[in-house]
Amino acid sequence: MSDQVELPLKTKLARANRRRQLVAASLVAPAFVFLVVAFLVPLASILFYAVENTDVAKYMPRTSEAIAEWDGESTPGEHVFEALFHDLKDGYEAKTIARAATSLNHQISGFRSLVMGTARRTGRIDGPPYRAAILATRPDWANVDIWIAFQRAAVPITPRYVLAAVDMERSADGAVSWVEEDRQVYIDYLERTIWISLVVTVACFVIAFPMAYLMAMGSDKLRRILFILVLLPFWTSLLVRTAAWVILLQKNGVVNDALIWTGLTDEPMQLIFNRFGVYVAMVHVLLPFMILPMYSVMRTIPRDHLRASASLGARPGATFFQVYLPQTLPGVGAGCLLVWVLAIGFYITPALVGGGGDQMLSFLIAEFTLKTANWHMAAALALLLLAMVAVIYPLMARLTGANRLDVGR
């Protein structure tokens, strides 16, 4: 009798539990869809474009198939040039050959002009032999390096762009090596990005720690004043804040006038369009992102811990470094991670207040995206930034406990 009564009750409880789960899922669904559309899809596209190489195989399919079996020793035979002729002729008529030519130009500079110039002359070639006719039109097609580059470009997946992002390349025999020193560009940008981000993070920590400490340990009136000062930059556009520093730091600006008036310098100093200007502007923009995580942890640290340490005979310095500071590490780690991750992707501030030698990887990504339309290199450099975050985040979180922001509760 009891089983007959309990069975419907269990069924009702299970149904009620399923309804709660459906309601919870329906509430989470919009955020999940937004996460997929705004984050995961762009991230997947970056990973894809960094290794994707389908333009040549798509717009020059005959040549791509014919060159796949080429031994790489000498100029290809008649069947490859016949395939090349038909691809160039059809692509020129369909106005799609430029896509393949642009992709090939990423392999060897000048390849695009070679492809487009030959394509325009395909109407003058009546028939076979195609090899002799094309070589008579553009002798550069006899260069074996041209065909090696074509063979690599015809592969749908390639590590070339990822290797190029760190100034490396793959030779004809498949070996990976560094490019010549005079061609190394991206490593300099990478080192500069890491260094600028590191200096900005350290500067933000030095300024933010005492301010967060005052906010957490000070009176309510002082806390409100400091909160206004911290949150005020969020109410102003990033572009406006950066432009304001251009006005303040210029040779006739307020800062130089103050330095001359106080006698610290006799003539205006170059404070803008250099590394110093980049540091100042970036620290100003990113400082709140360091203060708020620190404050959120410091305010939860019981003051009884400090009083207990003092009652046991510990000096103020020992109390701070052995009792208080270790409990702030999750906030310090979270703030440093947040500032560093934001700093490595900065573009507007270095572009406006920095010089030519102060630009970061984001500058190159913008150049490849907006000017040269080289989406593959832009994606490879973005992947490099993503890899830096993927390496640093778990390491920093493990060392400081940045993933545990409930310390002291």
Foldseek 3Di string as FASTA:
>chain_A
DVCVVVVVVVVVVVVVVVVVVVVVCVVCVVVVVCCCVVPVVVLVVLVCLQFFQALCCVQQVQLQVVLLPPPLPFQDDQSNLVSLLVSLQVCVVVVSVQSNLLSLCVLPPPSNVLSPQLSVCSVVDDDPSRVVVSCVSPVVSRDSSSSLSSNQSSDRTHNALLQVLQQWHADSVGDIDHDDPVPDDNVLQVVLLQVLLVLLLVVLCVVQVVLLLCLQPPDPVSVVVSVCVLCVLVVDDLLVLLVVLVQQQDQPHPVQVVCCVVPVDVGGDNCFQASNSLSVSLSVNLNSLLNVLLNLQSNLADCVQLVVCVVVPDDPVCSCPVPPVLSSLLSNLSSSLVSSLVSSQDASNCVGGHHPSNGHLNPVLCCCVPPSVSSNNSSSSVVVSVVVSVVPVVVSCVVRVNVDSNRND
